[in-house]
Amino acid sequence: RWFLLDDEPLSFWNRLLNTMLREISRWTVRVIMLRPYTALRARFGVEPEDVFSSIRRTEAIVLLPGVWGIEPPRSLPPNFKVIHPILPSPAEQIADKAIASFIDSDSCTYNQGLVLISFGTQASLSPSQVDRIARAVSSSPDYCFLWRLPRRNERPPDFREDQLRNLFIAEWLPQNDLLGHPRMRAFVSHVGYGSLYEAAYHGVPLVGIPQFGDQDDSMQRAVRSGWGIRLDKDRFTTLELADAIQRAISPPFRSRAKAWSRRVQAKSGVDEA
């Protein structure tokens, strides 16, 4: 899924290109991504030697977490079963005292709600991206922002974490619990597959800035199903991001996100599995 075209409907040539890209993706996984693990298995005598191929040859059933409607229609082999997502769960009370204190502070209690910003565990934002996001936060004083910004992300020279009263920055945030907070209004995200369905589960509109891999593919699912807004990671401006957040918070987007939340929560993926 990393490089595949997913516009609907696909032309014949796009389907042909997807077939070629799929084979390139398989080769990439085998030759580049799995090679270090294969070397480690050989070094320490871990059997079987080729786990990836042996699993693919013997798979009896493949479970695909997702919800039709967010997932585009497509044909699947008989042993492929789409089940409801298994990772999202009901939100628990925020245990981190610093986060809870920020949410309950006067500067947040009397504004219009919360916005979560997180780009996952692998993506690293450029100083320019960090600067544009910070300026969008600064231009949106009516909301409180919680931003997961690990130190590996290089800050611009004039960036100060304590300069905005409506911004809380941390190395890690309890994403699922924050998305389920009753005052959460929007989620600015890289839109990994887990983030896509955690947002859908809790009915939080997405402002997606995909960084690499399958993230753009996941973002297109939210856009097509009417509860997501996509921005280009290299070209988005401060004004475009601030405007996208305001649009995502608007009643039409929130209503559609809540409708998808009811569908995602209708069944337990664990029970289906």
C-alpha atoms as a PDB file:
ATOM      1  CA  ARG A   1       0.000   0.000   0.000  1.00  0.00           C
ATOM      2  CA  TRP A   2       2.940   2.350   0.353  1.00  0.00           C
ATOM      3  CA  PHE A   3       3.046   3.647  -3.178  1.00  0.00           C
ATOM      4  CA  LEU A   4      -0.268   2.564  -4.674  1.00  0.00           C
ATOM      5  CA  LEU A   5      -2.668   4.886  -6.483  1.00  0.00           C
ATOM      6  CA  ASP A   6      -6.101   4.814  -4.895  1.00  0.00           C
ATOM      7  CA  ASP A   7      -8.203   7.319  -6.813  1.00  0.00           C
ATOM      8  CA  GLU A   8     -11.649   5.893  -7.537  1.00  0.00           C
ATOM      9  CA  PRO A   9     -12.382   4.641 -10.080  1.00  0.00           C
ATOM     10  CA  LEU A  10      -8.971   3.492 -11.313  1.00  0.00           C
ATOM     11  CA  SER A  11      -8.317   3.432 -15.038  1.00  0.00           C
ATOM     12  CA  PHE A  12      -6.811   0.358 -16.709  1.00  0.00           C
ATOM     13  CA  TRP A  13      -3.399   2.028 -16.866  1.00  0.00           C
ATOM     14  CA  ASN A  14      -3.544   2.991 -13.193  1.00  0.00           C
ATOM     15  CA  ARG A  15      -4.404  -0.605 -12.309  1.00  0.00           C
ATOM     16  CA  LEU A  16      -1.487  -1.802 -14.404  1.00  0.00           C
ATOM     17  CA  LEU A  17       0.800   0.709 -12.677  1.00  0.00           C
ATOM     18  CA  ASN A  18      -0.478  -0.444  -9.282  1.00  0.00           C
ATOM     19  CA  THR A  19       0.419  -4.028 -10.167  1.00  0.00           C
ATOM     20  CA  MET A  20       3.969  -2.961 -11.014  1.00  0.00           C
ATOM     21  CA  LEU A  21       4.265  -0.840  -7.875  1.00  0.00           C
ATOM     22  CA  ARG A  22       2.999  -3.719  -5.741  1.00  0.00           C
ATOM     23  CA  GLU A  23       5.778  -5.972  -7.032  1.00  0.00           C
ATOM     24  CA  ILE A  24       8.362  -3.235  -6.418  1.00  0.00           C
ATOM     25  CA  SER A  25       6.990  -2.882  -2.880  1.00  0.00           C
ATOM     26  CA  ARG A  26       7.320  -6.627  -2.269  1.00  0.00           C
ATOM     27  CA  TRP A  27      10.901  -6.560  -3.513  1.00  0.00           C
ATOM     28  CA  THR A  28      11.670  -3.570  -1.294  1.00  0.00           C
ATOM     29  CA  VAL A  29      10.324  -5.352   1.777  1.00  0.00           C
ATOM     30  CA  ARG A  30      12.254  -8.543   1.082  1.00  0.00           C
ATOM     31  CA  VAL A  31      15.601  -7.147  -0.087  1.00  0.00           C
ATOM     32  CA  ILE A  32      15.905  -3.934   1.938  1.00  0.00           C
ATOM     33  CA  MET A  33      13.646  -4.045   4.994  1.00  0.00           C
ATOM     34  CA  LEU A  34      13.889  -7.715   5.986  1.00  0.00           C
ATOM     35  CA  ARG A  35      17.585  -8.212   5.256  1.00  0.00           C
ATOM     36  CA  PRO A  36      18.788  -6.996   8.701  1.00  0.00           C
ATOM     37  CA  TYR A  37      16.337  -9.360  10.436  1.00  0.00           C
ATOM     38  CA  THR A  38      17.399 -12.257   8.241  1.00  0.00           C
ATOM     39  CA  ALA A  39      21.022 -11.584   9.190  1.00  0.00           C
ATOM     40  CA  LEU A  40      20.152 -11.540  12.893  1.00  0.00           C
ATOM     41  CA  ARG A  41      18.234 -14.832  12.615  1.00  0.00           C
ATOM     42  CA  ALA A  42      21.210 -16.440  10.875  1.00  0.00           C
ATOM     43  CA  ARG A  43      23.632 -15.053  13.460  1.00  0.00           C
ATOM     44  CA  PHE A  44      21.708 -16.374  16.457  1.00  0.00           C
ATOM     45  CA  GLY A  45      20.320 -19.525  14.865  1.00  0.00           C
ATOM     46  CA  VAL A  46      16.678 -18.521  14.983  1.00  0.00           C
ATOM     47  CA  GLU A  47      14.389 -20.813  12.953  1.00  0.00           C
ATOM     48  CA  PRO A  48      12.771 -20.777  10.491  1.00  0.00           C
ATOM     49  CA  GLU A  49      15.263 -18.897   8.363  1.00  0.00           C
ATOM     50  CA  ASP A  50      12.670 -17.270   6.103  1.00  0.00           C
ATOM     51  CA  VAL A  51       9.714 -16.369   8.288  1.00  0.00           C
ATOM     52  CA  PHE A  52       8.186 -13.944   5.782  1.00  0.00           C
ATOM     53  CA  SER A  53       7.911 -16.432   2.930  1.00  0.00           C
ATOM     54  CA  SER A  54       6.826 -19.326   5.148  1.00  0.00           C
ATOM     55  CA  ILE A  55       3.977 -17.277   6.622  1.00  0.00           C
ATOM     56  CA  ARG A  56       2.783 -16.225   3.171  1.00  0.00           C
ATOM     57  CA  ARG A  57       2.813 -19.846   1.968  1.00  0.00           C
ATOM     58  CA  THR A  58       0.874 -21.234   4.932  1.00  0.00           C
ATOM     59  CA  GLU A  59      -1.556 -18.433   5.838  1.00  0.00           C
ATOM     60  CA  ALA A  60      -5.023 -19.869   6.466  1.00  0.00           C
ATOM     61  CA  ILE A  61      -6.787 -16.569   7.067  1.00  0.00           C
ATOM     62  CA  VAL A  62      -5.755 -12.916   6.917  1.00  0.00           C
ATOM     63  CA  LEU A  63      -7.545 -10.420   9.201  1.00  0.00           C
ATOM     64  CA  LEU A  64      -7.680  -6.854   7.906  1.00  0.00           C
ATOM     65  CA  PRO A  65      -8.724  -4.216  10.492  1.00  0.00           C
ATOM     66  CA  GLY A  66     -10.969  -1.617   8.880  1.00  0.00           C
ATOM     67  CA  VAL A  67     -14.522  -0.485   8.205  1.00  0.00           C
ATOM     68  CA  TRP A  68     -16.133  -0.603   4.773  1.00  0.00           C
ATOM     69  CA  GLY A  69     -16.932   2.918   3.678  1.00  0.00           C
ATOM     70  CA  ILE A  70     -13.704   4.229   5.090  1.00  0.00           C
ATOM     71  CA  GLU A  71     -12.014   1.362   3.276  1.00  0.00           C
ATOM     72  CA  PRO A  72     -12.602   1.620  -0.501  1.00  0.00           C
ATOM     73  CA  PRO A  73     -14.510  -1.211  -2.197  1.00  0.00           C
ATOM     74  CA  ARG A  74     -12.258  -3.905  -3.604  1.00  0.00           C
ATOM     75  CA  SER A  75     -12.241  -7.640  -4.224  1.00  0.00           C
ATOM     76  CA  LEU A  76     -10.522  -9.878  -1.663  1.00  0.00           C
ATOM     77  CA  PRO A  77      -9.488 -13.544  -1.684  1.00  0.00           C
ATOM     78  CA  PRO A  78     -11.791 -15.917   0.241  1.00  0.00           C
ATOM     79  CA  ASN A  79      -9.361 -16.185   3.170  1.00  0.00           C
ATOM     80  CA  PHE A  80      -9.216 -12.394   3.712  1.00  0.00           C
ATOM     81  CA  LYS A  81     -11.639 -11.078   6.328  1.00  0.00           C
ATOM     82  CA  VAL A  82     -12.215  -7.401   7.162  1.00  0.00           C
ATOM     83  CA  ILE A  83     -12.798  -6.937  10.882  1.00  0.00           C
ATOM     84  CA  HIS A  84     -13.426  -3.821  12.925  1.00  0.00           C
ATOM     85  CA  PRO A  85     -10.288  -2.095  14.282  1.00  0.00           C
ATOM     86  CA  ILE A  86      -8.712  -3.785  17.289  1.00  0.00           C
ATOM     87  CA  LEU A  87      -6.406  -1.046  18.659  1.00  0.00           C
ATOM     88  CA  PRO A  88      -8.790   1.872  19.443  1.00  0.00           C
ATOM     89  CA  SER A  89     -10.502   1.605  22.823  1.00  0.00           C
ATOM     90  CA  PRO A  90     -12.693   3.685  25.130  1.00  0.00           C
ATOM     91  CA  ALA A  91     -10.777   6.608  26.573  1.00  0.00           C
ATOM     92  CA  GLU A  92      -9.511   6.462  30.129  1.00  0.00           C
ATOM     93  CA  GLN A  93      -9.070   9.414  32.457  1.00  0.00           C
ATOM     94  CA  ILE A  94      -5.884  11.370  31.765  1.00  0.00           C
ATOM     95  CA  ALA A  95      -3.403  10.097  34.353  1.00  0.00           C
ATOM     96  CA  ASP A  96      -0.537  12.472  33.567  1.00  0.00           C
ATOM     97  CA  LYS A  97      -0.873  15.352  36.031  1.00  0.00           C
ATOM     98  CA  ALA A  98       0.835  17.910  33.778  1.00  0.00           C
ATOM     99  CA  ILE A  99      -1.501  17.152  30.861  1.00  0.00           C
ATOM    100  CA  ALA A 100      -4.592  17.120  33.083  1.00  0.00           C
ATOM    101  CA  SER A 101      -3.545  20.413  34.695  1.00  0.00           C
ATOM    102  CA  PHE A 102      -3.142  22.063  31.282  1.00  0.00           C
ATOM    103  CA  ILE A 103      -6.552  20.838  30.084  1.00  0.00           C
ATOM    104  CA  ASP A 104      -8.223  22.049  33.294  1.00  0.00           C
ATOM    105  CA  SER A 105      -6.390  25.406  33.375  1.00  0.00           C
ATOM    106  CA  ASP A 106      -8.340  28.647  33.010  1.00  0.00           C
ATOM    107  CA  SER A 107      -6.797  29.305  29.591  1.00  0.00           C
ATOM    108  CA  CYS A 108      -8.288  26.040  28.286  1.00  0.00           C
ATOM    109  CA  THR A 109     -11.462  25.684  30.325  1.00  0.00           C
ATOM    110  CA  TYR A 110     -13.051  28.795  28.851  1.00  0.00           C
ATOM    111  CA  ASN A 111     -12.041  28.338  25.222  1.00  0.00           C
ATOM    112  CA  GLN A 112     -13.773  26.354  22.473  1.00  0.00           C
ATOM    113  CA  GLY A 113     -12.022  23.014  22.875  1.00  0.00           C
ATOM    114  CA  LEU A 114      -8.858  20.975  22.361  1.00  0.00           C
ATOM    115  CA  VAL A 115      -6.805  20.112  19.283  1.00  0.00           C
ATOM    116  CA  LEU A 116      -4.286  17.263  19.289  1.00  0.00           C
ATOM    117  CA  ILE A 117      -1.124  17.395  17.130  1.00  0.00           C
ATOM    118  CA  SER A 118       0.937  14.234  16.680  1.00  0.00           C
ATOM    119  CA  PHE A 119       3.045  12.833  13.861  1.00  0.00           C
ATOM    120  CA  GLY A 120       3.706   9.354  15.193  1.00  0.00           C
ATOM    121  CA  THR A 121       6.855   7.607  16.323  1.00  0.00           C
ATOM    122  CA  GLN A 122       8.909   7.640  13.107  1.00  0.00           C
ATOM    123  CA  ALA A 123       8.304  10.889  11.234  1.00  0.00           C
ATOM    124  CA  SER A 124      10.622  13.827  11.945  1.00  0.00           C
ATOM    125  CA  LEU A 125       9.355  17.296  11.110  1.00  0.00           C
ATOM    126  CA  SER A 126      11.636  19.834   9.459  1.00  0.00           C
ATOM    127  CA  PRO A 127      12.293  23.174  11.218  1.00  0.00           C
ATOM    128  CA  SER A 128      10.104  24.813   8.577  1.00  0.00           C
ATOM    129  CA  GLN A 129       7.200  22.477   9.323  1.00  0.00           C
ATOM    130  CA  VAL A 130       7.589  23.025  13.070  1.00  0.00           C
ATOM    131  CA  ASP A 131       7.591  26.788  12.517  1.00  0.00           C
ATOM    132  CA  ARG A 132       4.475  26.755  10.320  1.00  0.00           C
ATOM    133  CA  ILE A 133       2.564  24.565  12.775  1.00  0.00           C
ATOM    134  CA  ALA A 134       3.585  26.777  15.721  1.00  0.00           C
ATOM    135  CA  ARG A 135       2.433  29.888  13.862  1.00  0.00           C
ATOM    136  CA  ALA A 136      -0.914  28.216  13.086  1.00  0.00           C
ATOM    137  CA  VAL A 137      -1.315  27.496  16.810  1.00  0.00           C
ATOM    138  CA  SER A 138      -0.481  31.123  17.583  1.00  0.00           C
ATOM    139  CA  SER A 139      -3.158  32.309  15.157  1.00  0.00           C
ATOM    140  CA  SER A 140      -5.826  30.087  16.783  1.00  0.00           C
ATOM    141  CA  PRO A 141      -6.110  31.440  20.367  1.00  0.00           C
ATOM    142  CA  ASP A 142      -9.667  30.127  20.812  1.00  0.00           C
ATOM    143  CA  TYR A 143      -8.407  26.533  21.111  1.00  0.00           C
ATOM    144  CA  CYS A 144      -5.912  24.715  23.297  1.00  0.00           C
ATOM    145  CA  PHE A 145      -3.345  22.551  21.504  1.00  0.00           C
ATOM    146  CA  LEU A 146      -1.530  19.469  22.783  1.00  0.00           C
ATOM    147  CA  TRP A 147       1.490  18.715  20.601  1.00  0.00           C
ATOM    148  CA  ARG A 148       3.587  15.570  20.738  1.00  0.00           C
ATOM    149  CA  LEU A 149       6.939  16.939  19.588  1.00  0.00           C
ATOM    150  CA  PRO A 150       9.900  14.606  20.319  1.00  0.00           C
ATOM    151  CA  ARG A 151      13.333  16.199  20.653  1.00  0.00           C
ATOM    152  CA  ARG A 152      14.507  14.542  17.438  1.00  0.00           C
ATOM    153  CA  ASN A 153      12.470  17.196  15.604  1.00  0.00           C
ATOM    154  CA  GLU A 154      14.780  20.149  14.998  1.00  0.00           C
ATOM    155  CA  ARG A 155      13.280  23.439  16.177  1.00  0.00           C
ATOM    156  CA  PRO A 156      13.705  26.700  14.264  1.00  0.00           C
ATOM    157  CA  PRO A 157      16.098  29.189  15.912  1.00  0.00           C
ATOM    158  CA  ASP A 158      13.346  31.470  17.272  1.00  0.00           C
ATOM    159  CA  PHE A 159      11.101  28.655  18.547  1.00  0.00           C
ATOM    160  CA  ARG A 160      10.190  28.861  22.238  1.00  0.00           C
ATOM    161  CA  GLU A 161       8.028  26.161  23.814  1.00  0.00           C
ATOM    162  CA  ASP A 162       6.766  28.490  26.557  1.00  0.00           C
ATOM    163  CA  GLN A 163       5.705  31.397  24.364  1.00  0.00           C
ATOM    164  CA  LEU A 164       2.066  30.316  23.892  1.00  0.00           C
ATOM    165  CA  ARG A 165      -0.395  29.883  26.743  1.00  0.00           C
ATOM    166  CA  ASN A 166      -2.673  27.713  24.597  1.00  0.00           C
ATOM    167  CA  LEU A 167       0.042  25.169  23.724  1.00  0.00           C
ATOM    168  CA  PHE A 168       1.273  22.109  25.639  1.00  0.00           C
ATOM    169  CA  ILE A 169       4.302  20.267  24.204  1.00  0.00           C
ATOM    170  CA  ALA A 170       5.482  16.831  25.326  1.00  0.00           C
ATOM    171  CA  GLU A 171       7.738  13.986  24.218  1.00  0.00           C
ATOM    172  CA  TRP A 172       4.776  11.610  24.465  1.00  0.00           C
ATOM    173  CA  LEU A 173       1.017  11.973  24.783  1.00  0.00           C
ATOM    174  CA  PRO A 174      -1.735   9.395  25.528  1.00  0.00           C
ATOM    175  CA  GLN A 175      -3.204   9.717  22.049  1.00  0.00           C
ATOM    176  CA  ASN A 176      -6.186   7.375  22.380  1.00  0.00           C
ATOM    177  CA  ASP A 177      -7.278   8.868  25.696  1.00  0.00           C
ATOM    178  CA  LEU A 178      -6.921  12.433  24.436  1.00  0.00           C
ATOM    179  CA  LEU A 179      -8.878  11.693  21.257  1.00  0.00           C
ATOM    180  CA  GLY A 180     -11.652  10.360  23.465  1.00  0.00           C
ATOM    181  CA  HIS A 181     -11.725  13.475  25.662  1.00  0.00           C
ATOM    182  CA  PRO A 182     -15.166  15.127  25.448  1.00  0.00           C
ATOM    183  CA  ARG A 183     -13.614  18.506  24.555  1.00  0.00           C
ATOM    184  CA  MET A 184     -11.383  17.212  21.734  1.00  0.00           C
ATOM    185  CA  ARG A 185     -12.309  18.966  18.482  1.00  0.00           C
ATOM    186  CA  ALA A 186      -9.710  18.050  15.820  1.00  0.00           C
ATOM    187  CA  PHE A 187      -6.592  15.968  15.227  1.00  0.00           C
ATOM    188  CA  VAL A 188      -3.604  17.236  13.202  1.00  0.00           C
ATOM    189  CA  SER A 189      -1.745  14.085  12.215  1.00  0.00           C
ATOM    190  CA  HIS A 190       0.568  12.241   9.843  1.00  0.00           C
ATOM    191  CA  VAL A 191      -2.357   9.775   9.545  1.00  0.00           C
ATOM    192  CA  GLY A 192      -0.749   6.414  10.101  1.00  0.00           C
ATOM    193  CA  TYR A 193      -3.227   3.555   9.932  1.00  0.00           C
ATOM    194  CA  GLY A 194      -3.540   3.413  13.724  1.00  0.00           C
ATOM    195  CA  SER A 195      -4.146   7.159  14.004  1.00  0.00           C
ATOM    196  CA  LEU A 196      -6.760   6.999  11.226  1.00  0.00           C
ATOM    197  CA  TYR A 197      -8.900   4.497  13.110  1.00  0.00           C
ATOM    198  CA  GLU A 198      -8.322   5.949  16.574  1.00  0.00           C
ATOM    199  CA  ALA A 199      -9.672   9.253  15.229  1.00  0.00           C
ATOM    200  CA  ALA A 200     -12.566   7.457  13.519  1.00  0.00           C
ATOM    201  CA  TYR A 201     -13.357   5.477  16.680  1.00  0.00           C
ATOM    202  CA  HIS A 202     -13.621   8.643  18.763  1.00  0.00           C
ATOM    203  CA  GLY A 203     -15.289  10.750  16.054  1.00  0.00           C
ATOM    204  CA  VAL A 204     -12.555  13.387  15.790  1.00  0.00           C
ATOM    205  CA  PRO A 205     -12.104  15.133  12.397  1.00  0.00           C
ATOM    206  CA  LEU A 206      -8.664  14.815  10.824  1.00  0.00           C
ATOM    207  CA  VAL A 207      -6.345  17.447   9.398  1.00  0.00           C
ATOM    208  CA  GLY A 208      -3.797  15.221   7.703  1.00  0.00           C
ATOM    209  CA  ILE A 209      -0.244  16.112   6.705  1.00  0.00           C
ATOM    210  CA  PRO A 210       1.077  12.744   5.437  1.00  0.00           C
ATOM    211  CA  GLN A 211       4.862  12.391   5.629  1.00  0.00           C
ATOM    212  CA  PHE A 212       5.745   9.131   3.860  1.00  0.00           C
ATOM    213  CA  GLY A 213       4.786   5.508   3.204  1.00  0.00           C
ATOM    214  CA  ASP A 214       1.124   4.529   3.415  1.00  0.00           C
ATOM    215  CA  GLN A 215       0.097   7.719   5.243  1.00  0.00           C
ATOM    216  CA  ASP A 216      -1.211   9.491   2.147  1.00  0.00           C
ATOM    217  CA  ASP A 217      -3.217   6.382   1.314  1.00  0.00           C
ATOM    218  CA  SER A 218      -4.738   6.419   4.815  1.00  0.00           C
ATOM    219  CA  MET A 219      -5.489  10.137   4.561  1.00  0.00           C
ATOM    220  CA  GLN A 220      -7.378   9.634   1.310  1.00  0.00           C
ATOM    221  CA  ARG A 221      -9.724   7.307   3.195  1.00  0.00           C
ATOM    222  CA  ALA A 222     -10.682  10.098   5.603  1.00  0.00           C
ATOM    223  CA  VAL A 223     -11.038  12.630   2.766  1.00  0.00           C
ATOM    224  CA  ARG A 224     -13.269  10.340   0.687  1.00  0.00           C
ATOM    225  CA  SER A 225     -15.482   9.510   3.646  1.00  0.00           C
ATOM    226  CA  GLY A 226     -15.995  13.184   4.426  1.00  0.00           C
ATOM    227  CA  TRP A 227     -14.280  13.793   7.770  1.00  0.00           C
ATOM    228  CA  GLY A 228     -10.705  14.659   6.789  1.00  0.00           C
ATOM    229  CA  ILE A 229      -8.770  17.520   5.165  1.00  0.00           C
ATOM    230  CA  ARG A 230      -5.425  16.833   3.497  1.00  0.00           C
ATOM    231  CA  LEU A 231      -2.504  19.275   3.312  1.00  0.00           C
ATOM    232  CA  ASP A 232       0.748  18.825   1.392  1.00  0.00           C
ATOM    233  CA  LYS A 233       3.677  18.405   3.791  1.00  0.00           C
ATOM    234  CA  ASP A 234       6.004  20.575   1.708  1.00  0.00           C
ATOM    235  CA  ARG A 235       3.617  23.252   0.487  1.00  0.00           C
ATOM    236  CA  PHE A 236       1.147  23.904   3.303  1.00  0.00           C
ATOM    237  CA  THR A 237       1.202  27.403   4.728  1.00  0.00           C
ATOM    238  CA  THR A 238       0.426  28.671   8.207  1.00  0.00           C
ATOM    239  CA  LEU A 239      -2.812  30.208   6.924  1.00  0.00           C
ATOM    240  CA  GLU A 240      -3.866  26.974   5.173  1.00  0.00           C
ATOM    241  CA  LEU A 241      -3.293  24.918   8.316  1.00  0.00           C
ATOM    242  CA  ALA A 242      -5.167  27.361  10.554  1.00  0.00           C
ATOM    243  CA  ASP A 243      -8.034  27.435   8.042  1.00  0.00           C
ATOM    244  CA  ALA A 244      -8.082  23.622   7.777  1.00  0.00           C
ATOM    245  CA  ILE A 245      -8.353  23.308  11.557  1.00  0.00           C
ATOM    246  CA  GLN A 246     -11.287  25.731  11.602  1.00  0.00           C
ATOM    247  CA  ARG A 247     -13.005  23.799   8.792  1.00  0.00           C
ATOM    248  CA  ALA A 248     -12.443  20.462  10.541  1.00  0.00           C
ATOM    249  CA  ILE A 249     -13.987  21.820  13.742  1.00  0.00           C
ATOM    250  CA  SER A 250     -17.078  23.046  11.875  1.00  0.00           C
ATOM    251  CA  PRO A 251     -20.401  21.220  12.445  1.00  0.00           C
ATOM    252  CA  PRO A 252     -20.491  19.378   9.056  1.00  0.00           C
ATOM    253  CA  PHE A 253     -17.116  17.704   9.617  1.00  0.00           C
ATOM    254  CA  ARG A 254     -17.809  16.944  13.259  1.00  0.00           C
ATOM    255  CA  SER A 255     -21.206  15.470  12.385  1.00  0.00           C
ATOM    256  CA  ARG A 256     -19.729  13.160   9.746  1.00  0.00           C
ATOM    257  CA  ALA A 257     -16.899  12.131  12.099  1.00  0.00           C
ATOM    258  CA  LYS A 258     -19.421  11.243  14.818  1.00  0.00           C
ATOM    259  CA  ALA A 259     -21.431   9.198  12.322  1.00  0.00           C
ATOM    260  CA  TRP A 260     -18.328   7.184  11.424  1.00  0.00           C
ATOM    261  CA  SER A 261     -17.569   6.794  15.130  1.00  0.00           C
ATOM    262  CA  ARG A 262     -20.886   5.023  15.635  1.00  0.00           C
ATOM    263  CA  ARG A 263     -20.084   2.630  12.767  1.00  0.00           C
ATOM    264  CA  VAL A 264     -16.556   1.902  13.986  1.00  0.00           C
ATOM    265  CA  GLN A 265     -17.774   1.257  17.543  1.00  0.00           C
ATOM    266  CA  ALA A 266     -20.690  -0.902  16.407  1.00  0.00           C
ATOM    267  CA  LYS A 267     -18.655  -4.104  16.676  1.00  0.00           C
ATOM    268  CA  SER A 268     -15.566  -5.306  18.493  1.00  0.00           C
ATOM    269  CA  GLY A 269     -12.682  -6.216  16.209  1.00  0.00           C
ATOM    270  CA  VAL A 270     -11.317  -8.512  18.928  1.00  0.00           C
ATOM    271  CA  ASP A 271     -14.611 -10.424  19.094  1.00  0.00           C
ATOM    272  CA  GLU A 272     -14.748 -10.671  15.307  1.00  0.00           C
ATOM    273  CA  ALA A 273     -11.193 -12.012  15.214  1.00  0.00           C
END
